[in-house]
N, C-alpha and C. Protein backbone atom coordinates (compact mmCIF):
# COMPACT_ATOMS: atom_id res chain seq x y z
N MET A 1 -2.71 -19.79 -13.05
CA MET A 1 -1.27 -19.79 -13.12
C MET A 1 -0.57 -19.79 -11.77
N SER A 2 0.15 -20.63 -11.51
CA SER A 2 0.72 -20.64 -9.96
C SER A 2 2.29 -20.50 -10.25
N PRO A 3 2.71 -19.44 -9.62
CA PRO A 3 4.10 -18.91 -9.87
C PRO A 3 5.08 -19.87 -9.14
N THR A 4 6.20 -20.34 -9.71
CA THR A 4 7.32 -21.03 -9.14
C THR A 4 7.77 -20.19 -8.04
N LYS A 5 7.80 -20.79 -6.88
CA LYS A 5 8.61 -19.94 -5.67
C LYS A 5 9.74 -20.67 -5.23
N VAL A 6 10.70 -19.76 -4.97
CA VAL A 6 12.14 -19.91 -4.38
C VAL A 6 12.04 -19.60 -2.88
N LYS A 7 12.43 -20.44 -1.84
CA LYS A 7 12.43 -19.94 -0.70
C LYS A 7 13.61 -18.90 -0.42
N MET A 8 13.20 -17.73 0.28
CA MET A 8 14.21 -16.86 0.60
C MET A 8 14.22 -16.58 2.29
N THR A 9 14.56 -15.29 2.51
CA THR A 9 14.70 -15.04 3.87
C THR A 9 13.25 -14.73 4.38
N GLY A 10 12.55 -15.68 4.85
CA GLY A 10 11.29 -15.61 5.58
C GLY A 10 10.01 -15.46 4.54
N ARG A 11 10.30 -15.09 3.23
CA ARG A 11 9.46 -15.10 2.33
C ARG A 11 9.74 -15.74 0.98
N VAL A 12 9.22 -15.66 0.06
CA VAL A 12 9.39 -16.44 -1.21
C VAL A 12 9.66 -15.51 -2.37
N ARG A 13 10.61 -15.81 -3.27
CA ARG A 13 10.63 -14.93 -4.32
C ARG A 13 9.98 -15.69 -5.53
N ARG A 14 9.14 -15.00 -6.28
CA ARG A 14 8.31 -15.53 -7.19
C ARG A 14 9.10 -15.39 -8.60
N ARG A 15 8.62 -16.40 -9.43
CA ARG A 15 9.01 -16.46 -10.80
C ARG A 15 8.58 -15.06 -11.41
N ASP A 16 7.48 -14.43 -11.00
CA ASP A 16 6.78 -13.22 -11.62
C ASP A 16 7.28 -12.03 -11.00
N SER A 17 8.50 -12.21 -10.33
CA SER A 17 9.25 -10.90 -9.72
C SER A 17 10.59 -10.43 -10.52
N ARG A 18 10.89 -9.21 -10.36
CA ARG A 18 11.93 -8.59 -11.00
C ARG A 18 13.05 -8.32 -9.87
N PRO A 19 14.26 -8.84 -9.99
CA PRO A 19 15.39 -8.49 -9.17
C PRO A 19 15.75 -6.97 -9.09
N ASP A 20 15.45 -6.30 -10.04
CA ASP A 20 15.78 -4.79 -10.01
C ASP A 20 14.40 -3.96 -9.42
N CYS A 21 13.44 -4.48 -9.14
CA CYS A 21 12.38 -3.88 -8.37
C CYS A 21 12.47 -3.80 -7.07
N VAL A 22 12.40 -2.70 -6.35
CA VAL A 22 12.40 -2.61 -4.85
C VAL A 22 11.09 -3.21 -4.24
N PHE A 23 10.11 -3.09 -4.81
CA PHE A 23 8.90 -3.87 -4.33
C PHE A 23 8.98 -5.23 -4.39
N CYS A 24 9.50 -5.92 -5.28
CA CYS A 24 9.71 -7.24 -5.61
C CYS A 24 10.55 -7.61 -4.40
N ARG A 25 11.82 -6.96 -4.30
CA ARG A 25 12.65 -7.20 -3.26
C ARG A 25 12.01 -7.28 -1.76
N ILE A 26 11.04 -6.39 -1.57
CA ILE A 26 10.35 -6.21 -0.42
C ILE A 26 9.45 -7.58 -0.24
N VAL A 27 8.78 -7.89 -1.36
CA VAL A 27 7.98 -9.02 -1.20
C VAL A 27 8.79 -10.43 -0.97
N ALA A 28 9.95 -10.39 -1.36
CA ALA A 28 11.01 -11.55 -1.36
C ALA A 28 11.57 -11.57 0.12
N GLY A 29 11.45 -10.40 0.86
CA GLY A 29 12.28 -10.44 2.14
C GLY A 29 13.69 -10.00 1.97
N GLN A 30 13.98 -9.65 0.81
CA GLN A 30 15.28 -8.93 0.58
C GLN A 30 15.59 -7.44 0.88
N ALA A 31 14.47 -6.90 1.03
CA ALA A 31 14.63 -5.42 1.30
C ALA A 31 13.62 -5.12 2.59
N PRO A 32 13.87 -4.20 3.58
CA PRO A 32 13.23 -3.92 4.62
C PRO A 32 11.89 -3.58 4.19
N GLY A 33 10.68 -3.74 4.92
CA GLY A 33 9.48 -3.17 4.90
C GLY A 33 8.71 -3.36 6.15
N SER A 34 7.99 -2.45 6.44
CA SER A 34 6.97 -2.36 7.81
C SER A 34 5.71 -2.94 7.28
N THR A 35 5.47 -4.14 7.37
CA THR A 35 4.23 -4.84 6.83
C THR A 35 3.08 -4.51 7.73
N VAL A 36 2.00 -4.02 7.04
CA VAL A 36 0.60 -3.73 7.58
C VAL A 36 -0.19 -5.24 7.19
N PHE A 37 -0.18 -5.81 5.96
CA PHE A 37 -1.14 -6.75 5.71
C PHE A 37 -0.41 -7.78 4.75
N GLU A 38 -0.58 -8.97 4.58
CA GLU A 38 -0.21 -9.77 3.56
C GLU A 38 -0.84 -10.91 3.42
N ASP A 39 -1.26 -11.45 2.22
CA ASP A 39 -1.69 -12.72 1.97
C ASP A 39 -1.21 -13.11 0.58
N GLY A 40 -1.67 -14.31 0.02
CA GLY A 40 -1.00 -14.77 -1.11
C GLY A 40 -0.79 -13.81 -2.38
N ARG A 41 -1.50 -12.92 -2.56
CA ARG A 41 -1.35 -12.23 -3.73
C ARG A 41 -1.20 -10.67 -3.25
N VAL A 42 -1.24 -10.27 -2.13
CA VAL A 42 -1.26 -8.71 -2.00
C VAL A 42 -0.36 -8.56 -0.61
N LEU A 43 0.40 -7.44 -0.74
CA LEU A 43 1.16 -7.09 0.40
C LEU A 43 0.90 -5.50 0.72
N ALA A 44 0.74 -5.10 1.80
CA ALA A 44 0.58 -3.63 2.18
C ALA A 44 1.59 -3.42 3.21
N PHE A 45 2.43 -2.32 3.08
CA PHE A 45 3.50 -1.86 3.85
C PHE A 45 3.52 -0.40 3.89
N MET A 46 4.26 0.11 5.02
CA MET A 46 4.38 1.64 5.31
C MET A 46 5.33 2.24 4.09
N ASP A 47 5.07 3.32 3.59
CA ASP A 47 5.95 4.21 2.58
C ASP A 47 7.09 4.55 3.25
N ARG A 48 8.31 4.38 3.00
CA ARG A 48 9.57 4.81 3.60
C ARG A 48 9.59 6.29 3.50
N SER A 49 9.05 6.92 2.56
CA SER A 49 8.98 8.46 2.50
C SER A 49 7.52 8.89 2.42
N PRO A 50 6.84 8.90 3.49
CA PRO A 50 5.40 9.10 3.59
C PRO A 50 5.19 10.57 3.28
N VAL A 51 4.07 10.84 2.69
CA VAL A 51 3.62 12.23 2.63
C VAL A 51 2.78 12.72 3.72
N ARG A 52 2.40 11.78 4.48
CA ARG A 52 1.53 11.84 5.62
C ARG A 52 1.81 10.80 6.63
N ARG A 53 1.84 11.03 7.83
CA ARG A 53 2.06 9.80 9.02
C ARG A 53 1.09 8.87 8.80
N GLY A 54 1.53 7.53 8.45
CA GLY A 54 0.45 6.35 8.29
C GLY A 54 0.35 5.89 6.84
N HIS A 55 1.14 6.77 5.73
CA HIS A 55 1.07 6.46 4.53
C HIS A 55 1.37 5.07 4.10
N VAL A 56 0.48 4.31 3.57
CA VAL A 56 0.67 2.92 3.41
C VAL A 56 0.64 2.65 1.95
N LEU A 57 1.45 1.71 1.47
CA LEU A 57 1.39 1.26 0.02
C LEU A 57 0.66 -0.26 -0.08
N VAL A 58 -0.15 -0.44 -1.20
CA VAL A 58 -0.69 -1.63 -1.39
C VAL A 58 -0.29 -2.33 -2.68
N ILE A 59 0.34 -3.43 -2.70
CA ILE A 59 0.81 -3.89 -4.18
C ILE A 59 0.29 -5.24 -4.45
N PRO A 60 0.32 -5.75 -5.69
CA PRO A 60 0.16 -7.09 -5.96
C PRO A 60 1.60 -7.64 -5.69
N LYS A 61 1.60 -8.82 -5.05
CA LYS A 61 2.99 -9.70 -5.06
C LYS A 61 3.69 -9.81 -6.22
N ALA A 62 2.80 -10.12 -7.21
CA ALA A 62 3.25 -10.30 -8.70
C ALA A 62 3.87 -9.07 -9.17
N HIS A 63 4.88 -8.97 -9.96
CA HIS A 63 5.29 -7.76 -10.39
C HIS A 63 4.46 -7.63 -11.64
N ARG A 64 3.87 -6.49 -11.51
CA ARG A 64 2.96 -5.70 -12.65
C ARG A 64 3.30 -4.29 -12.62
N ALA A 65 3.78 -3.85 -13.86
CA ALA A 65 4.25 -2.47 -13.84
C ALA A 65 2.94 -1.33 -13.61
N GLN A 66 2.05 -1.62 -14.29
CA GLN A 66 0.90 -0.62 -14.28
C GLN A 66 -0.37 -1.32 -14.11
N ILE A 67 -1.52 -0.90 -13.84
CA ILE A 67 -2.78 -1.47 -13.64
C ILE A 67 -3.31 -2.17 -14.80
N TRP A 68 -2.93 -1.75 -16.14
CA TRP A 68 -3.45 -2.50 -17.23
C TRP A 68 -2.67 -3.75 -17.64
N ALA A 69 -1.70 -4.16 -16.85
CA ALA A 69 -0.87 -5.26 -16.93
C ALA A 69 -1.50 -6.50 -15.91
N MET A 70 -2.54 -6.09 -15.20
CA MET A 70 -2.90 -7.10 -14.31
C MET A 70 -4.28 -7.66 -14.97
N ALA A 71 -4.28 -9.05 -14.60
CA ALA A 71 -5.61 -9.82 -14.82
C ALA A 71 -6.64 -9.30 -13.88
N ASP A 72 -7.83 -9.65 -14.27
CA ASP A 72 -8.91 -9.23 -13.45
C ASP A 72 -8.82 -9.83 -12.11
N ALA A 73 -8.55 -11.00 -11.89
CA ALA A 73 -8.47 -11.68 -10.67
C ALA A 73 -7.47 -11.08 -9.66
N GLU A 74 -6.27 -10.73 -10.43
CA GLU A 74 -5.30 -10.02 -9.57
C GLU A 74 -5.72 -8.67 -9.13
N PHE A 75 -6.34 -7.96 -9.92
CA PHE A 75 -7.00 -6.61 -9.53
C PHE A 75 -8.07 -6.80 -8.34
N ALA A 76 -8.88 -7.83 -8.65
CA ALA A 76 -9.90 -7.98 -7.59
C ALA A 76 -9.21 -8.44 -6.17
N ALA A 77 -8.21 -9.21 -6.25
CA ALA A 77 -7.45 -9.59 -4.99
C ALA A 77 -6.93 -8.25 -4.33
N VAL A 78 -6.41 -7.34 -4.90
CA VAL A 78 -5.79 -6.21 -4.49
C VAL A 78 -6.95 -5.25 -4.12
N TYR A 79 -7.65 -5.01 -4.87
CA TYR A 79 -8.84 -4.14 -4.61
C TYR A 79 -9.71 -4.40 -3.48
N ARG A 80 -10.03 -5.81 -3.34
CA ARG A 80 -10.73 -6.34 -2.28
C ARG A 80 -10.43 -5.95 -0.97
N THR A 81 -8.92 -5.81 -0.83
CA THR A 81 -8.38 -5.49 0.59
C THR A 81 -8.44 -3.99 0.98
N LEU A 82 -8.88 -3.02 -0.17
CA LEU A 82 -8.55 -1.59 0.30
C LEU A 82 -9.64 -1.20 1.32
N PRO A 83 -11.06 -1.62 1.35
CA PRO A 83 -11.89 -0.99 2.38
C PRO A 83 -11.44 -1.33 3.78
N THR A 84 -10.93 -2.59 4.03
CA THR A 84 -10.57 -2.98 5.27
C THR A 84 -9.36 -2.26 5.72
N LEU A 85 -8.42 -2.05 4.93
CA LEU A 85 -7.11 -1.49 5.12
C LEU A 85 -7.46 0.04 5.48
N VAL A 86 -8.42 0.74 4.69
CA VAL A 86 -8.75 2.06 4.65
C VAL A 86 -9.28 2.23 6.31
N ARG A 87 -10.21 1.38 6.57
CA ARG A 87 -10.86 1.72 7.75
C ARG A 87 -9.88 1.51 8.99
N ALA A 88 -9.07 0.53 8.89
CA ALA A 88 -7.86 0.31 9.80
C ALA A 88 -7.00 1.39 9.99
N LEU A 89 -6.49 1.97 8.75
CA LEU A 89 -5.74 3.13 8.73
C LEU A 89 -6.28 4.26 9.31
N ALA A 90 -7.37 4.67 9.00
CA ALA A 90 -8.20 5.89 9.57
C ALA A 90 -8.35 5.55 11.11
N ARG A 91 -8.70 4.46 11.51
CA ARG A 91 -9.00 4.23 13.10
C ARG A 91 -7.43 4.56 13.79
N ALA A 92 -6.39 3.75 13.23
CA ALA A 92 -5.09 3.78 13.71
C ALA A 92 -4.43 5.26 13.74
N THR A 93 -4.85 6.18 12.76
CA THR A 93 -4.31 7.45 12.68
C THR A 93 -5.00 8.54 13.08
N GLY A 94 -6.38 8.22 13.34
CA GLY A 94 -7.41 9.31 13.80
C GLY A 94 -7.77 10.20 12.51
N ALA A 95 -7.48 9.64 11.47
CA ALA A 95 -7.92 10.38 10.11
C ALA A 95 -9.34 10.54 9.87
N ASP A 96 -9.86 11.70 9.20
CA ASP A 96 -11.00 12.07 9.09
C ASP A 96 -11.46 11.56 7.46
N ALA A 97 -10.23 11.27 6.76
CA ALA A 97 -10.51 10.69 5.39
C ALA A 97 -9.31 9.94 4.99
N VAL A 98 -9.33 9.27 3.94
CA VAL A 98 -8.19 8.50 3.45
C VAL A 98 -8.37 8.63 2.05
N ASN A 99 -7.07 9.13 1.31
CA ASN A 99 -7.08 9.21 -0.07
C ASN A 99 -6.47 7.89 -0.76
N ILE A 100 -6.97 7.37 -1.77
CA ILE A 100 -6.33 6.24 -2.44
C ILE A 100 -5.89 6.74 -3.71
N LEU A 101 -4.62 6.62 -4.05
CA LEU A 101 -4.07 7.27 -5.21
C LEU A 101 -3.19 6.12 -6.00
N SER A 102 -3.32 6.08 -7.37
CA SER A 102 -2.41 5.27 -7.92
C SER A 102 -1.90 5.90 -9.31
N LEU A 103 -0.53 6.22 -9.45
CA LEU A 103 -0.13 6.81 -10.47
C LEU A 103 0.47 5.83 -11.48
N ASN A 104 -0.01 5.69 -12.78
CA ASN A 104 0.30 4.69 -13.77
C ASN A 104 0.75 5.32 -14.89
N GLY A 105 1.98 4.90 -15.27
CA GLY A 105 2.86 5.07 -16.36
C GLY A 105 3.66 6.34 -16.14
N ARG A 106 4.85 6.67 -16.83
CA ARG A 106 5.87 7.60 -16.50
C ARG A 106 5.11 9.17 -16.72
N ALA A 107 4.16 9.18 -17.73
CA ALA A 107 3.37 10.37 -18.00
C ALA A 107 2.35 10.69 -16.82
N GLY A 108 1.96 9.59 -16.02
CA GLY A 108 1.08 9.63 -15.00
C GLY A 108 1.74 10.06 -13.59
N GLY A 109 2.96 9.97 -13.64
CA GLY A 109 3.88 10.50 -12.66
C GLY A 109 4.55 9.22 -11.92
N GLN A 110 4.30 8.15 -12.29
CA GLN A 110 4.88 6.85 -11.66
C GLN A 110 6.28 6.90 -11.82
N THR A 111 6.89 6.51 -10.40
CA THR A 111 8.43 6.49 -10.45
C THR A 111 9.05 5.08 -10.05
N VAL A 112 8.14 4.31 -9.37
CA VAL A 112 8.52 3.00 -9.03
C VAL A 112 7.53 2.06 -9.87
N PHE A 113 7.96 1.30 -10.92
CA PHE A 113 7.26 0.82 -12.08
C PHE A 113 6.87 -0.70 -11.57
N HIS A 114 6.14 -0.71 -10.37
CA HIS A 114 5.32 -2.04 -9.85
C HIS A 114 4.24 -1.26 -9.18
N LEU A 115 3.12 -1.76 -9.74
CA LEU A 115 1.80 -1.22 -9.34
C LEU A 115 1.78 -1.03 -7.99
N HIS A 116 1.15 0.25 -7.53
CA HIS A 116 0.94 0.29 -6.18
C HIS A 116 -0.34 1.26 -5.93
N PHE A 117 -0.78 1.13 -4.96
CA PHE A 117 -1.95 2.06 -4.50
C PHE A 117 -1.56 2.84 -3.10
N HIS A 118 -1.53 4.13 -3.23
CA HIS A 118 -1.28 4.83 -1.97
C HIS A 118 -2.42 5.02 -1.06
N LEU A 119 -2.45 4.70 0.03
CA LEU A 119 -3.39 4.95 1.16
C LEU A 119 -2.87 6.10 1.92
N ILE A 120 -3.27 7.25 1.79
CA ILE A 120 -2.77 8.56 2.55
C ILE A 120 -3.93 9.07 3.66
N PRO A 121 -3.57 8.89 4.91
CA PRO A 121 -4.58 9.47 5.82
C PRO A 121 -4.72 11.12 5.67
N ILE A 122 -5.85 11.36 5.74
CA ILE A 122 -6.03 12.98 5.76
C ILE A 122 -6.81 13.39 7.07
N HIS A 123 -6.37 14.55 7.51
CA HIS A 123 -6.85 15.10 8.65
C HIS A 123 -7.57 16.41 8.24
N ARG A 124 -8.71 16.91 8.65
CA ARG A 124 -9.39 17.90 8.18
C ARG A 124 -8.63 19.22 8.47
N ASP A 125 -7.90 19.33 9.47
CA ASP A 125 -6.98 20.55 9.59
C ASP A 125 -5.76 20.47 8.56
N ARG A 126 -5.51 19.62 7.90
CA ARG A 126 -4.45 19.71 6.90
C ARG A 126 -4.88 19.08 5.61
N PRO A 127 -5.85 19.65 4.79
CA PRO A 127 -6.30 18.94 3.63
C PRO A 127 -5.22 19.27 2.48
N PRO A 128 -5.12 18.15 1.60
CA PRO A 128 -4.15 18.23 0.65
C PRO A 128 -4.56 18.94 -0.57
N LEU A 129 -5.83 19.32 -0.83
CA LEU A 129 -6.44 19.79 -1.95
C LEU A 129 -6.31 21.40 -1.95
N ARG A 130 -5.87 21.86 -2.77
CA ARG A 130 -5.66 23.39 -2.86
C ARG A 130 -6.39 23.89 -4.28
N ARG A 131 -7.32 24.87 -4.01
CA ARG A 131 -8.12 25.21 -5.17
C ARG A 131 -7.95 26.82 -5.24
N GLU A 132 -7.69 27.16 -6.55
CA GLU A 132 -7.37 28.43 -7.04
C GLU A 132 -8.46 28.77 -8.25
N GLY A 133 -9.36 29.33 -8.18
CA GLY A 133 -10.31 29.38 -9.14
C GLY A 133 -10.78 27.97 -9.72
N ARG A 134 -10.45 27.63 -10.91
CA ARG A 134 -10.66 26.43 -11.64
C ARG A 134 -9.52 25.44 -11.41
N ARG A 135 -8.46 25.99 -10.87
CA ARG A 135 -7.30 25.17 -10.83
C ARG A 135 -7.31 24.31 -9.28
N ILE A 136 -7.04 23.14 -9.45
CA ILE A 136 -7.04 22.27 -8.41
C ILE A 136 -5.72 21.51 -8.40
N ALA A 137 -5.10 21.40 -7.23
CA ALA A 137 -3.87 20.74 -7.07
C ALA A 137 -3.78 19.94 -5.70
N LEU A 138 -3.22 18.92 -5.85
CA LEU A 138 -2.98 18.05 -4.57
C LEU A 138 -1.50 18.35 -4.12
N GLU A 139 -1.36 18.75 -2.97
CA GLU A 139 0.04 19.01 -2.44
C GLU A 139 0.34 18.26 -1.32
N PHE A 140 1.54 17.43 -1.59
CA PHE A 140 1.96 16.56 -0.67
C PHE A 140 3.63 16.62 -0.69
N VAL A 141 4.07 16.54 0.47
CA VAL A 141 5.66 16.65 0.47
C VAL A 141 5.92 15.33 1.24
N GLN A 142 7.02 14.68 0.72
CA GLN A 142 7.49 13.47 1.17
C GLN A 142 8.44 13.79 2.24
N GLN A 143 8.52 12.92 3.36
CA GLN A 143 9.53 13.22 4.49
C GLN A 143 9.89 11.71 4.83
N PRO A 144 11.22 11.49 4.81
CA PRO A 144 11.69 9.99 5.22
C PRO A 144 11.33 9.94 6.79
N ALA A 145 11.19 8.65 6.84
CA ALA A 145 10.65 8.18 8.28
C ALA A 145 11.69 7.16 8.76
N SER A 146 11.96 7.02 10.14
CA SER A 146 12.80 5.73 10.50
C SER A 146 11.99 4.69 10.42
N ARG A 147 12.86 3.43 10.30
CA ARG A 147 12.05 2.26 10.29
C ARG A 147 11.54 1.88 11.67
N ALA A 148 11.85 2.48 12.76
CA ALA A 148 11.22 2.31 14.16
C ALA A 148 9.89 2.95 14.14
N VAL A 149 9.76 4.13 13.36
CA VAL A 149 8.54 4.87 13.53
C VAL A 149 7.55 4.07 12.41
N LEU A 150 7.90 3.71 11.38
CA LEU A 150 7.32 3.02 10.34
C LEU A 150 6.61 1.56 11.05
N ASP A 151 7.61 0.94 11.65
CA ASP A 151 7.15 -0.41 12.45
C ASP A 151 6.14 -0.12 13.34
N ARG A 152 6.27 0.99 14.34
CA ARG A 152 5.28 1.22 15.27
C ARG A 152 3.85 1.73 14.68
N ILE A 153 3.79 2.41 13.48
CA ILE A 153 2.59 2.76 12.90
C ILE A 153 1.88 1.48 12.29
N ALA A 154 2.86 0.61 11.67
CA ALA A 154 2.38 -0.73 10.99
C ALA A 154 1.63 -1.34 12.07
N ARG A 155 2.23 -1.82 13.29
CA ARG A 155 1.80 -2.44 14.41
C ARG A 155 0.40 -1.93 14.87
N ARG A 156 0.41 -0.61 14.98
CA ARG A 156 -1.01 -0.01 15.22
C ARG A 156 -2.14 -0.39 14.22
N ILE A 157 -1.89 -0.26 12.84
CA ILE A 157 -2.70 -0.57 12.03
C ILE A 157 -3.07 -1.98 11.97
N ARG A 158 -2.21 -2.87 12.05
CA ARG A 158 -2.37 -4.29 12.25
C ARG A 158 -3.30 -4.58 13.45
N GLY A 159 -3.10 -3.87 14.51
CA GLY A 159 -4.01 -4.03 15.53
C GLY A 159 -5.43 -3.74 15.24
N HIS A 160 -5.66 -2.77 14.42
CA HIS A 160 -7.17 -2.27 14.11
C HIS A 160 -7.41 -3.29 13.00
N LEU A 161 -6.65 -3.90 12.27
CA LEU A 161 -7.07 -5.04 11.33
C LEU A 161 -7.39 -6.32 12.04
N ALA A 162 -6.78 -6.58 13.08
CA ALA A 162 -7.09 -7.85 13.86
C ALA A 162 -8.48 -7.76 14.47
N GLY A 163 -8.91 -6.51 14.85
CA GLY A 163 -10.27 -6.48 15.54
C GLY A 163 -11.41 -6.08 14.64
N ALA A 164 -10.97 -5.98 13.09
CA ALA A 164 -11.95 -5.49 12.22
C ALA A 164 -12.94 -6.63 11.91
N ARG A 165 -14.11 -6.38 11.66
CA ARG A 165 -14.99 -7.35 11.25
C ARG A 165 -16.09 -6.62 10.39
N SER A 166 -16.48 -7.36 9.36
CA SER A 166 -17.40 -6.81 8.35
C SER A 166 -18.80 -6.64 8.98
N PRO A 167 -19.67 -6.04 8.20
CA PRO A 167 -21.07 -6.01 8.82
C PRO A 167 -21.60 -7.35 8.99
N GLY A 168 -21.32 -8.34 8.49
CA GLY A 168 -21.80 -9.72 8.62
C GLY A 168 -21.24 -10.44 9.85
N GLY A 169 -20.02 -10.00 10.14
CA GLY A 169 -19.48 -10.46 11.56
C GLY A 169 -18.25 -11.33 11.13
N GLU A 170 -18.13 -11.55 9.71
CA GLU A 170 -16.99 -12.55 9.36
C GLU A 170 -15.77 -11.50 9.40
N SER A 171 -14.46 -12.12 9.29
CA SER A 171 -13.15 -11.50 9.15
C SER A 171 -13.13 -11.03 7.77
N PRO A 172 -12.94 -9.65 7.51
CA PRO A 172 -13.01 -8.94 6.27
C PRO A 172 -11.83 -9.41 5.31
N LEU A 173 -10.72 -9.93 5.71
CA LEU A 173 -9.67 -10.20 4.76
C LEU A 173 -9.26 -11.67 4.91
């Protein structure tokens, strides 16, 4: 299924987008986003209220509210980008680990109803996991970031993507 495309400011608006969705507006170039990676099906950009410096969102370009609304091929296209994006993010931020998180459905904590994966760099001196007995909690605090800061981090991550090679030597994305 090939979506109908309408030319917009530098990007295209797709028939499978929603004008009331901020992520669809970013895909269409109608809202600002600090792009890390883009191909025909996937867009990765900086979270404007990151929980950690370097917090990236990875979305399907087609509007899909939750993961169960995706076709297998769409999911594969998004998921295939994650290892390379995580490696570049970890190198760009000096992270010791990267958490991958997706909240699905209102009951699951989702607040923007366009499927997205959070890539969150973690440093060993600031672990987000808190344990008290058998209770386990993730503690993150969102802090707004300026577009200039987000653009600078996005450039740094893109620089690490440009030099990334898979074990076989071919470009990973």
